[in-house]
């Protein structure tokens, strides 16, 4: 069973809830005290954060909570890299599906590490009721089956969040290597980790972890909204809906072509072996 690291502020009231869920399932876990940047002076905070790089990447500054979140996860990556084994990282507002306990925690570390450096187990700000529509609009490419779990590459990784993920020891070393020094981007900017750090980031379907964003207030999200430019007007959503339908069709066509190509390649290999 994988080691489970739960990142949480030391005095967070959320600890009791997730501790009960994990304990009831006889899962051994460790609380990792989250870094708290609220008590730092501006000069101290400035040494931990590269505002120019963040603004160039995201078009805005990062909040103290966002920077602290990144540093908190990076401290856990150090432990995982040193352990030599993959592990699961959760935030303390994670909601866990039965599949998390019955399949994911018992999966083969070696098999997972052979296909990915990071496997995202859920998605932020997504209601369970909307999961089916999300699976339709955001299908996976090049799916592998690992111990009954479907794991593949999503067309869009930006909104996946960091509420729960598995990371290999090698992936932890990659993450540490390319994020050394001041924080330059958001933790959940997975395309940045992929492009800047050479990390292979995949996603689990169906999701095994959800974010309790409707019942647990997030200080990170409150600060993020304050720093993010205003959202698009409502009529933009009406205009974009037909485009999303077309995009969804195109994505499934890409998946169909990839599957056909893969089957043909497998057939050629088998034919060559028989010859």
C-alpha atoms as a PDB file:
ATOM      1  CA  UNK A   1       0.000   0.000   0.000  1.00  0.00           C
ATOM      2  CA  UNK A   2       1.328   3.433  -0.942  1.00  0.00           C
ATOM      3  CA  UNK A   3       2.382   5.921   1.684  1.00  0.00           C
ATOM      4  CA  UNK A   4      -0.214   8.676   1.970  1.00  0.00           C
ATOM      5  CA  UNK A   5       0.864  12.244   2.755  1.00  0.00           C
ATOM      6  CA  UNK A   6      -1.906  14.672   3.767  1.00  0.00           C
ATOM      7  CA  UNK A   7      -0.907  18.334   3.492  1.00  0.00           C
ATOM      8  CA  UNK A   8      -2.680  20.497   6.056  1.00  0.00           C
ATOM      9  CA  UNK A   9      -2.108  23.617   8.106  1.00  0.00           C
ATOM     10  CA  UNK A  10      -1.036  22.603  11.583  1.00  0.00           C
ATOM     11  CA  UNK A  11      -4.176  23.827  13.336  1.00  0.00           C
ATOM     12  CA  UNK A  12      -6.646  23.168  10.524  1.00  0.00           C
ATOM     13  CA  UNK A  13     -10.107  21.992  11.568  1.00  0.00           C
ATOM     14  CA  UNK A  14     -10.175  19.817   8.439  1.00  0.00           C
ATOM     15  CA  UNK A  15      -7.712  17.324   9.877  1.00  0.00           C
ATOM     16  CA  UNK A  16     -10.237  15.467  11.984  1.00  0.00           C
ATOM     17  CA  UNK A  17     -12.512  14.753   9.019  1.00  0.00           C
ATOM     18  CA  UNK A  18      -9.949  13.270   6.638  1.00  0.00           C
ATOM     19  CA  UNK A  19      -8.155  11.465   9.487  1.00  0.00           C
ATOM     20  CA  UNK A  20     -11.386   9.639  10.356  1.00  0.00           C
ATOM     21  CA  UNK A  21     -11.995   8.585   6.744  1.00  0.00           C
ATOM     22  CA  UNK A  22      -8.474   7.193   6.318  1.00  0.00           C
ATOM     23  CA  UNK A  23      -8.400   5.563   9.740  1.00  0.00           C
ATOM     24  CA  UNK A  24     -11.758   3.888   9.180  1.00  0.00           C
ATOM     25  CA  UNK A  25     -10.221   2.233   6.117  1.00  0.00           C
ATOM     26  CA  UNK A  26      -7.101   1.190   8.063  1.00  0.00           C
ATOM     27  CA  UNK A  27      -4.889   3.387   5.894  1.00  0.00           C
ATOM     28  CA  UNK A  28      -1.613   4.527   7.371  1.00  0.00           C
ATOM     29  CA  UNK A  29      -1.001   8.202   6.611  1.00  0.00           C
ATOM     30  CA  UNK A  30       1.096  11.146   7.682  1.00  0.00           C
ATOM     31  CA  UNK A  31       0.000  14.735   8.203  1.00  0.00           C
ATOM     32  CA  UNK A  32       2.462  17.126   6.596  1.00  0.00           C
ATOM     33  CA  UNK A  33       2.319  20.589   8.171  1.00  0.00           C
ATOM     34  CA  UNK A  34       1.671  23.077   5.398  1.00  0.00           C
ATOM     35  CA  UNK A  35       3.925  26.092   5.008  1.00  0.00           C
ATOM     36  CA  UNK A  36       2.263  29.294   6.248  1.00  0.00           C
ATOM     37  CA  UNK A  37       3.414  32.488   4.539  1.00  0.00           C
ATOM     38  CA  UNK A  38       0.925  34.782   6.281  1.00  0.00           C
ATOM     39  CA  UNK A  39       3.289  35.601   9.144  1.00  0.00           C
ATOM     40  CA  UNK A  40       6.255  36.488   6.910  1.00  0.00           C
ATOM     41  CA  UNK A  41       7.459  39.994   6.153  1.00  0.00           C
ATOM     42  CA  UNK A  42       7.318  41.230   2.565  1.00  0.00           C
ATOM     43  CA  UNK A  43      11.100  40.946   2.218  1.00  0.00           C
ATOM     44  CA  UNK A  44      11.098  37.362   3.516  1.00  0.00           C
ATOM     45  CA  UNK A  45       8.267  36.440   1.189  1.00  0.00           C
ATOM     46  CA  UNK A  46      10.034  38.084  -1.748  1.00  0.00           C
ATOM     47  CA  UNK A  47      12.971  35.706  -1.347  1.00  0.00           C
ATOM     48  CA  UNK A  48      10.633  32.725  -1.885  1.00  0.00           C
ATOM     49  CA  UNK A  49       8.800  33.996  -4.942  1.00  0.00           C
ATOM     50  CA  UNK A  50       9.658  35.186  -8.479  1.00  0.00           C
ATOM     51  CA  UNK A  51       6.867  37.614  -9.321  1.00  0.00           C
ATOM     52  CA  UNK A  52       8.172  38.472 -12.804  1.00  0.00           C
ATOM     53  CA  UNK A  53       8.135  34.822 -13.888  1.00  0.00           C
ATOM     54  CA  UNK A  54       4.700  34.236 -12.376  1.00  0.00           C
ATOM     55  CA  UNK A  55       3.195  37.275 -14.093  1.00  0.00           C
ATOM     56  CA  UNK A  56       4.752  36.270 -17.405  1.00  0.00           C
ATOM     57  CA  UNK A  57       3.268  32.787 -17.072  1.00  0.00           C
ATOM     58  CA  UNK A  58      -0.159  33.551 -15.572  1.00  0.00           C
ATOM     59  CA  UNK A  59      -0.754  37.232 -16.297  1.00  0.00           C
ATOM     60  CA  UNK A  60      -1.007  38.044 -12.587  1.00  0.00           C
ATOM     61  CA  UNK A  61       0.851  37.802  -9.297  1.00  0.00           C
ATOM     62  CA  UNK A  62       0.470  34.760  -7.091  1.00  0.00           C
ATOM     63  CA  UNK A  63      -1.038  35.071  -3.645  1.00  0.00           C
ATOM     64  CA  UNK A  64       0.870  34.157  -0.506  1.00  0.00           C
ATOM     65  CA  UNK A  65      -1.391  31.137  -0.089  1.00  0.00           C
ATOM     66  CA  UNK A  66      -0.570  29.907  -3.591  1.00  0.00           C
ATOM     67  CA  UNK A  67       3.165  30.268  -3.043  1.00  0.00           C
ATOM     68  CA  UNK A  68       2.902  28.559   0.349  1.00  0.00           C
ATOM     69  CA  UNK A  69       0.925  25.716  -1.253  1.00  0.00           C
ATOM     70  CA  UNK A  70       3.710  25.130  -3.768  1.00  0.00           C
ATOM     71  CA  UNK A  71       6.377  25.107  -1.054  1.00  0.00           C
ATOM     72  CA  UNK A  72       4.313  22.679   1.045  1.00  0.00           C
ATOM     73  CA  UNK A  73       4.070  20.166  -1.781  1.00  0.00           C
ATOM     74  CA  UNK A  74       7.748  20.569  -2.599  1.00  0.00           C
ATOM     75  CA  UNK A  75       8.671  19.560   0.958  1.00  0.00           C
ATOM     76  CA  UNK A  76       6.650  16.361   0.523  1.00  0.00           C
ATOM     77  CA  UNK A  77       8.357  15.651  -2.804  1.00  0.00           C
ATOM     78  CA  UNK A  78      11.681  15.641  -0.957  1.00  0.00           C
ATOM     79  CA  UNK A  79      10.462  12.864   1.340  1.00  0.00           C
ATOM     80  CA  UNK A  80       9.125  10.832  -1.567  1.00  0.00           C
ATOM     81  CA  UNK A  81      12.330  11.228  -3.578  1.00  0.00           C
ATOM     82  CA  UNK A  82      14.384  10.098  -0.584  1.00  0.00           C
ATOM     83  CA  UNK A  83      12.108   7.106   0.074  1.00  0.00           C
ATOM     84  CA  UNK A  84      12.657   5.662  -3.389  1.00  0.00           C
ATOM     85  CA  UNK A  85       8.961   4.706  -3.682  1.00  0.00           C
ATOM     86  CA  UNK A  86       5.950   6.387  -5.209  1.00  0.00           C
ATOM     87  CA  UNK A  87       3.352   7.859  -2.862  1.00  0.00           C
ATOM     88  CA  UNK A  88      -0.041   9.536  -2.770  1.00  0.00           C
ATOM     89  CA  UNK A  89      -0.324  13.222  -1.879  1.00  0.00           C
ATOM     90  CA  UNK A  90      -3.667  14.571  -0.660  1.00  0.00           C
ATOM     91  CA  UNK A  91      -4.840  17.974   0.481  1.00  0.00           C
ATOM     92  CA  UNK A  92      -6.985  18.006   3.593  1.00  0.00           C
ATOM     93  CA  UNK A  93     -10.206  18.879   1.730  1.00  0.00           C
ATOM     94  CA  UNK A  94     -10.064  15.659  -0.309  1.00  0.00           C
ATOM     95  CA  UNK A  95     -13.147  13.459  -0.643  1.00  0.00           C
ATOM     96  CA  UNK A  96     -12.244   9.846  -1.396  1.00  0.00           C
ATOM     97  CA  UNK A  97     -14.123   7.338  -3.538  1.00  0.00           C
ATOM     98  CA  UNK A  98     -14.148   3.586  -2.683  1.00  0.00           C
ATOM     99  CA  UNK A  99     -11.863   3.031  -5.695  1.00  0.00           C
ATOM    100  CA  UNK A 100      -9.193   5.065  -3.924  1.00  0.00           C
ATOM    101  CA  UNK A 101      -8.932   2.389  -1.235  1.00  0.00           C
ATOM    102  CA  UNK A 102      -9.859  -0.692  -3.255  1.00  0.00           C
ATOM    103  CA  UNK A 103      -7.679  -0.111  -6.323  1.00  0.00           C
ATOM    104  CA  UNK A 104      -5.379   2.865  -6.233  1.00  0.00           C
ATOM    105  CA  UNK A 105      -3.647   2.288  -2.897  1.00  0.00           C
ATOM    106  CA  UNK A 106      -3.083  -1.357  -3.808  1.00  0.00           C
ATOM    107  CA  UNK A 107      -1.804  -0.711  -7.337  1.00  0.00           C
ATOM    108  CA  UNK A 108       1.678  -1.647  -8.490  1.00  0.00           C
ATOM    109  CA  UNK A 109       4.178   1.165  -7.976  1.00  0.00           C
ATOM    110  CA  UNK A 110       6.360  -0.333 -10.697  1.00  0.00           C
ATOM    111  CA  UNK A 111       3.524  -0.428 -13.235  1.00  0.00           C
ATOM    112  CA  UNK A 112       2.408   3.119 -12.504  1.00  0.00           C
ATOM    113  CA  UNK A 113       5.987   4.398 -12.719  1.00  0.00           C
ATOM    114  CA  UNK A 114       6.385   2.693 -16.101  1.00  0.00           C
ATOM    115  CA  UNK A 115       3.669   4.884 -17.668  1.00  0.00           C
ATOM    116  CA  UNK A 116       3.783   8.189 -15.747  1.00  0.00           C
ATOM    117  CA  UNK A 117       5.645  10.407 -13.304  1.00  0.00           C
ATOM    118  CA  UNK A 118       2.407  11.861 -11.920  1.00  0.00           C
ATOM    119  CA  UNK A 119      -1.146  10.526 -12.032  1.00  0.00           C
ATOM    120  CA  UNK A 120      -3.802  13.082 -11.146  1.00  0.00           C
ATOM    121  CA  UNK A 121      -6.533  11.358  -9.156  1.00  0.00           C
ATOM    122  CA  UNK A 122      -9.193  14.052  -9.290  1.00  0.00           C
ATOM    123  CA  UNK A 123     -10.029  17.533 -10.429  1.00  0.00           C
ATOM    124  CA  UNK A 124     -10.585  20.775  -8.586  1.00  0.00           C
ATOM    125  CA  UNK A 125     -13.873  22.681  -8.483  1.00  0.00           C
ATOM    126  CA  UNK A 126     -15.853  19.873 -10.089  1.00  0.00           C
ATOM    127  CA  UNK A 127     -19.131  18.522  -8.720  1.00  0.00           C
ATOM    128  CA  UNK A 128     -19.588  14.768  -8.758  1.00  0.00           C
ATOM    129  CA  UNK A 129     -22.853  15.267 -10.654  1.00  0.00           C
ATOM    130  CA  UNK A 130     -20.891  16.888 -13.499  1.00  0.00           C
ATOM    131  CA  UNK A 131     -18.350  14.088 -13.814  1.00  0.00           C
ATOM    132  CA  UNK A 132     -20.080  12.282 -16.696  1.00  0.00           C
ATOM    133  CA  UNK A 133     -20.227  15.404 -18.828  1.00  0.00           C
ATOM    134  CA  UNK A 134     -16.578  16.126 -18.029  1.00  0.00           C
ATOM    135  CA  UNK A 135     -15.525  12.627 -19.105  1.00  0.00           C
ATOM    136  CA  UNK A 136     -17.341  13.251 -22.398  1.00  0.00           C
ATOM    137  CA  UNK A 137     -15.882  16.707 -23.055  1.00  0.00           C
ATOM    138  CA  UNK A 138     -12.396  15.885 -21.743  1.00  0.00           C
ATOM    139  CA  UNK A 139     -11.553  12.341 -22.938  1.00  0.00           C
ATOM    140  CA  UNK A 140      -8.182  10.680 -22.390  1.00  0.00           C
ATOM    141  CA  UNK A 141      -5.613   9.853 -25.048  1.00  0.00           C
ATOM    142  CA  UNK A 142      -3.439   6.714 -25.060  1.00  0.00           C
ATOM    143  CA  UNK A 143      -5.186   4.977 -22.177  1.00  0.00           C
ATOM    144  CA  UNK A 144      -3.397   2.285 -20.161  1.00  0.00           C
ATOM    145  CA  UNK A 145      -5.181  -0.194 -17.899  1.00  0.00           C
ATOM    146  CA  UNK A 146      -3.382  -0.648 -14.576  1.00  0.00           C
ATOM    147  CA  UNK A 147      -5.032  -2.947 -12.040  1.00  0.00           C
ATOM    148  CA  UNK A 148      -8.452  -2.150 -13.473  1.00  0.00           C
ATOM    149  CA  UNK A 149      -7.853   1.623 -13.582  1.00  0.00           C
ATOM    150  CA  UNK A 150      -7.949   3.703 -16.771  1.00  0.00           C
ATOM    151  CA  UNK A 151      -5.020   6.121 -16.905  1.00  0.00           C
ATOM    152  CA  UNK A 152      -4.266   8.388 -19.846  1.00  0.00           C
ATOM    153  CA  UNK A 153      -3.336  11.833 -21.097  1.00  0.00           C
ATOM    154  CA  UNK A 154      -6.113  14.457 -21.017  1.00  0.00           C
ATOM    155  CA  UNK A 155      -6.371  17.033 -23.793  1.00  0.00           C
ATOM    156  CA  UNK A 156      -6.482  19.705 -21.105  1.00  0.00           C
ATOM    157  CA  UNK A 157      -4.560  19.446 -17.828  1.00  0.00           C
ATOM    158  CA  UNK A 158      -4.765  23.008 -16.598  1.00  0.00           C
ATOM    159  CA  UNK A 159      -7.874  22.711 -14.408  1.00  0.00           C
ATOM    160  CA  UNK A 160      -6.987  19.429 -12.728  1.00  0.00           C
ATOM    161  CA  UNK A 161      -5.823  20.991  -9.461  1.00  0.00           C
ATOM    162  CA  UNK A 162      -3.730  19.250  -6.794  1.00  0.00           C
ATOM    163  CA  UNK A 163      -6.311  17.867  -4.358  1.00  0.00           C
ATOM    164  CA  UNK A 164      -4.967  14.353  -4.896  1.00  0.00           C
ATOM    165  CA  UNK A 165      -2.246  12.738  -7.001  1.00  0.00           C
ATOM    166  CA  UNK A 166       0.206   9.856  -7.101  1.00  0.00           C
ATOM    167  CA  UNK A 167       3.831  10.726  -7.834  1.00  0.00           C
ATOM    168  CA  UNK A 168       6.724   8.339  -8.432  1.00  0.00           C
ATOM    169  CA  UNK A 169      10.078   8.718  -6.689  1.00  0.00           C
ATOM    170  CA  UNK A 170      11.605   9.622 -10.064  1.00  0.00           C
ATOM    171  CA  UNK A 171       8.802  12.115 -10.702  1.00  0.00           C
ATOM    172  CA  UNK A 172       9.484  13.704  -7.312  1.00  0.00           C
ATOM    173  CA  UNK A 173      13.142  14.111  -8.243  1.00  0.00           C
ATOM    174  CA  UNK A 174      12.175  15.682 -11.580  1.00  0.00           C
ATOM    175  CA  UNK A 175       9.757  18.035  -9.821  1.00  0.00           C
ATOM    176  CA  UNK A 176      12.389  19.103  -7.309  1.00  0.00           C
ATOM    177  CA  UNK A 177      14.977  19.630 -10.013  1.00  0.00           C
ATOM    178  CA  UNK A 178      12.979  22.025 -12.156  1.00  0.00           C
ATOM    179  CA  UNK A 179      11.292  23.933  -9.296  1.00  0.00           C
ATOM    180  CA  UNK A 180      14.428  24.609  -7.276  1.00  0.00           C
ATOM    181  CA  UNK A 181      14.629  28.189  -5.990  1.00  0.00           C
ATOM    182  CA  UNK A 182      11.886  30.826  -5.819  1.00  0.00           C
ATOM    183  CA  UNK A 183       8.378  29.783  -6.846  1.00  0.00           C
ATOM    184  CA  UNK A 184       7.739  30.770 -10.467  1.00  0.00           C
ATOM    185  CA  UNK A 185       4.316  29.282 -11.241  1.00  0.00           C
ATOM    186  CA  UNK A 186       1.209  27.750  -9.733  1.00  0.00           C
ATOM    187  CA  UNK A 187       1.579  24.292  -8.270  1.00  0.00           C
ATOM    188  CA  UNK A 188      -1.293  22.910 -10.358  1.00  0.00           C
ATOM    189  CA  UNK A 189       0.061  24.292 -13.636  1.00  0.00           C
ATOM    190  CA  UNK A 190       0.656  20.738 -14.838  1.00  0.00           C
ATOM    191  CA  UNK A 191       1.420  21.783 -18.437  1.00  0.00           C
ATOM    192  CA  UNK A 192       4.298  23.858 -16.987  1.00  0.00           C
ATOM    193  CA  UNK A 193       5.619  20.829 -15.106  1.00  0.00           C
ATOM    194  CA  UNK A 194       5.346  18.849 -18.340  1.00  0.00           C
ATOM    195  CA  UNK A 195       7.001  21.400 -20.625  1.00  0.00           C
ATOM    196  CA  UNK A 196       9.475  22.956 -18.201  1.00  0.00           C
ATOM    197  CA  UNK A 197      10.321  19.891 -16.125  1.00  0.00           C
ATOM    198  CA  UNK A 198       9.936  17.075 -18.642  1.00  0.00           C
ATOM    199  CA  UNK A 199       7.387  15.316 -16.422  1.00  0.00           C
ATOM    200  CA  UNK A 200       4.881  12.817 -17.791  1.00  0.00           C
ATOM    201  CA  UNK A 201       1.557  13.804 -16.244  1.00  0.00           C
ATOM    202  CA  UNK A 202      -1.489  11.570 -16.722  1.00  0.00           C
ATOM    203  CA  UNK A 203      -4.953  11.346 -15.246  1.00  0.00           C
ATOM    204  CA  UNK A 204      -7.161   8.678 -13.698  1.00  0.00           C
ATOM    205  CA  UNK A 205     -10.691   7.934 -14.886  1.00  0.00           C
ATOM    206  CA  UNK A 206     -13.122   7.737 -13.230  1.00  0.00           C
ATOM    207  CA  UNK A 207     -11.808  10.136 -10.605  1.00  0.00           C
ATOM    208  CA  UNK A 208     -11.021   8.673  -7.197  1.00  0.00           C
ATOM    209  CA  UNK A 209     -10.584  12.001  -5.388  1.00  0.00           C
ATOM    210  CA  UNK A 210     -12.823  15.059  -5.262  1.00  0.00           C
ATOM    211  CA  UNK A 211     -12.398  18.470  -3.706  1.00  0.00           C
ATOM    212  CA  UNK A 212     -14.862  19.471  -0.995  1.00  0.00           C
ATOM    213  CA  UNK A 213     -15.013  23.021  -2.342  1.00  0.00           C
ATOM    214  CA  UNK A 214     -18.725  23.392  -1.649  1.00  0.00           C
ATOM    215  CA  UNK A 215     -18.475  22.613   2.069  1.00  0.00           C
ATOM    216  CA  UNK A 216     -14.920  23.680   2.955  1.00  0.00           C
ATOM    217  CA  UNK A 217     -13.865  27.246   2.295  1.00  0.00           C
ATOM    218  CA  UNK A 218     -10.485  27.630   0.577  1.00  0.00           C
ATOM    219  CA  UNK A 219      -8.272  30.552   1.525  1.00  0.00           C
ATOM    220  CA  UNK A 220      -6.267  29.955  -1.643  1.00  0.00           C
ATOM    221  CA  UNK A 221      -9.348  30.334  -3.820  1.00  0.00           C
ATOM    222  CA  UNK A 222     -10.427  33.551  -2.092  1.00  0.00           C
ATOM    223  CA  UNK A 223      -7.014  35.151  -2.681  1.00  0.00           C
ATOM    224  CA  UNK A 224      -6.892  33.790  -6.224  1.00  0.00           C
ATOM    225  CA  UNK A 225     -10.195  35.433  -7.139  1.00  0.00           C
ATOM    226  CA  UNK A 226      -8.927  38.748  -5.807  1.00  0.00           C
ATOM    227  CA  UNK A 227      -5.851  38.574  -8.063  1.00  0.00           C
ATOM    228  CA  UNK A 228      -7.505  37.138 -11.167  1.00  0.00           C
ATOM    229  CA  UNK A 229      -8.980  39.433 -13.842  1.00  0.00           C
ATOM    230  CA  UNK A 230     -12.774  39.455 -14.012  1.00  0.00           C
ATOM    231  CA  UNK A 231     -14.388  36.469 -15.704  1.00  0.00           C
ATOM    232  CA  UNK A 232     -15.899  36.615 -19.169  1.00  0.00           C
ATOM    233  CA  UNK A 233     -19.441  37.884 -19.563  1.00  0.00           C
ATOM    234  CA  UNK A 234     -22.238  35.316 -19.517  1.00  0.00           C
ATOM    235  CA  UNK A 235     -22.976  35.691 -23.231  1.00  0.00           C
ATOM    236  CA  UNK A 236     -19.487  34.411 -24.004  1.00  0.00           C
ATOM    237  CA  UNK A 237     -20.495  31.044 -22.556  1.00  0.00           C
ATOM    238  CA  UNK A 238     -23.480  30.891 -24.926  1.00  0.00           C
ATOM    239  CA  UNK A 239     -21.262  31.656 -27.927  1.00  0.00           C
ATOM    240  CA  UNK A 240     -18.588  29.169 -26.873  1.00  0.00           C
ATOM    241  CA  UNK A 241     -20.948  26.232 -26.281  1.00  0.00           C
ATOM    242  CA  UNK A 242     -21.207  25.197 -29.993  1.00  0.00           C
ATOM    243  CA  UNK A 243     -17.432  25.474 -30.257  1.00  0.00           C
ATOM    244  CA  UNK A 244     -17.046  23.135 -27.295  1.00  0.00           C
ATOM    245  CA  UNK A 245     -19.294  20.587 -28.996  1.00  0.00           C
ATOM    246  CA  UNK A 246     -17.157  20.746 -32.140  1.00  0.00           C
ATOM    247  CA  UNK A 247     -13.986  20.476 -30.077  1.00  0.00           C
ATOM    248  CA  UNK A 248     -15.355  17.427 -28.273  1.00  0.00           C
ATOM    249  CA  UNK A 249     -16.099  15.727 -31.580  1.00  0.00           C
ATOM    250  CA  UNK A 250     -12.600  16.492 -32.833  1.00  0.00           C
ATOM    251  CA  UNK A 251     -11.042  15.073 -29.679  1.00  0.00           C
ATOM    252  CA  UNK A 252     -12.920  11.794 -29.940  1.00  0.00           C
ATOM    253  CA  UNK A 253     -11.911  11.577 -33.597  1.00  0.00           C
ATOM    254  CA  UNK A 254      -8.256  11.959 -32.570  1.00  0.00           C
ATOM    255  CA  UNK A 255      -8.702   9.158 -30.029  1.00  0.00           C
ATOM    256  CA  UNK A 256     -10.311   6.929 -32.680  1.00  0.00           C
ATOM    257  CA  UNK A 257      -7.386   7.495 -35.076  1.00  0.00           C
ATOM    258  CA  UNK A 258      -4.838   6.842 -32.316  1.00  0.00           C
ATOM    259  CA  UNK A 259      -6.583   3.582 -31.354  1.00  0.00           C
ATOM    260  CA  UNK A 260      -6.741   2.384 -34.966  1.00  0.00           C
ATOM    261  CA  UNK A 261      -3.061   3.231 -35.457  1.00  0.00           C
ATOM    262  CA  UNK A 262      -2.109   1.405 -32.263  1.00  0.00           C
ATOM    263  CA  UNK A 263      -4.055  -1.713 -33.276  1.00  0.00           C
ATOM    264  CA  UNK A 264      -2.438  -1.757 -36.708  1.00  0.00           C
ATOM    265  CA  UNK A 265       0.997  -1.393 -35.166  1.00  0.00           C
ATOM    266  CA  UNK A 266       0.293  -4.303 -32.816  1.00  0.00           C
ATOM    267  CA  UNK A 267      -0.929  -6.440 -35.715  1.00  0.00           C
ATOM    268  CA  UNK A 268       2.251  -5.745 -37.712  1.00  0.00           C
ATOM    269  CA  UNK A 269       4.411  -6.707 -34.736  1.00  0.00           C
ATOM    270  CA  UNK A 270       2.525  -9.984 -34.266  1.00  0.00           C
ATOM    271  CA  UNK A 271       2.744 -10.782 -37.990  1.00  0.00           C
ATOM    272  CA  UNK A 272       6.492 -10.136 -37.972  1.00  0.00           C
ATOM    273  CA  UNK A 273       6.951 -12.489 -35.026  1.00  0.00           C
ATOM    274  CA  UNK A 274       5.080 -15.307 -36.784  1.00  0.00           C
ATOM    275  CA  UNK A 275       7.201 -14.857 -39.910  1.00  0.00           C
END
